[in-house]
């Protein structure tokens, strides 16, 4: 398959399978080669059109390879320690200076990767005034179409330090809490699967119900789609653990797909047509899913090409191609204006 060749998602499909299919790709233990691919489940006797179409939605939109994030600690403003938890499939290395490099592999168009970083800070010194403290520097690199792009413009990770921090989380903090809740749910699914594999289905369900209750404490200003997908995932998994037979036939494959999806922050089909969990699905995956449904209804009806899909996405969001660069320059402009404001205000304060 040549890159960039227009292919309709539903045309490249297989009508049925006679055994449960686990769609995966090979991985390696090298720290520079993170696990690749996804794990999707197809129920016995079902057709491959919809899961395969969604996989094509990713494979036909690879925008970057060998994506790396480099976190460099800055200890001049109270940072004592910086750690990235071991709760994903991505590989990472830490050198003697504490610089952390995380290897993400490939990125599909519309995907993003979230990283949680635990930072230990020293107490604010007596007389410390409120200020933006730079705790680390983040920098990424990647390759595109086999061309190494190298290290990109670094960005400072800041925190507003004050002797009297706020007790109510702001909107940004709530997004962090939501991401932490997602990771706790992923861990709960792994533990529930281990219990179910050992025959303790009651204990597995209780664990998932506790995860459900924990989601009720997560509040977001927007992005409710994330919480709804997490809830839908737990509801479905609890249902599929009603009996040993149901768990072995559908529950365990569903849990395996969920586990891999969370660990790699990439969409995976769970093999259940009633499932509404769409975690990490990209716009192109959603488009190809709809095309696959149309193909199932009427295989003779023409479908748009991949080139037509690109045009539609650009028309729907014309700013997407350069929004990140625009945000970078806007941030630099704001910081420059703030610096000028401080320079102008300083003489006035001493007059």
Foldseek 3Di string as FASTA:
>chain_A
DDAPDWDAQQVPWFAWDQQKDWDADDFDPDLQTFGDGATAIAAGTGTGRQQSSLVCLFVNFWFWFFKKKKKQFDPPQFWDAKDWDPQFRWHWDADPRGIIMTTQGIDGPQFDDDTDMDTDGDQDDPPDAWDKDFTIKMWMWTDGPNRTPPIDDIDTDIDTDDNDDDPDDDQVVLVVVLLVLLSVLLVLLVVLLVCVVVPNLVVSLVSLVVSLVVLVPRDHPDPVLSSVLSNLLSVVLNVQSPDNVSCVNQNNLLSVNSNNCSNSQDFYHRNDPPGPRGGSRGPSSVVSSVVSVVCVVPVVDDDDIVVVVVVVVCVVPVCVVCVVVVVVVVVVVVVVVVVVVCVVVVVVVVD
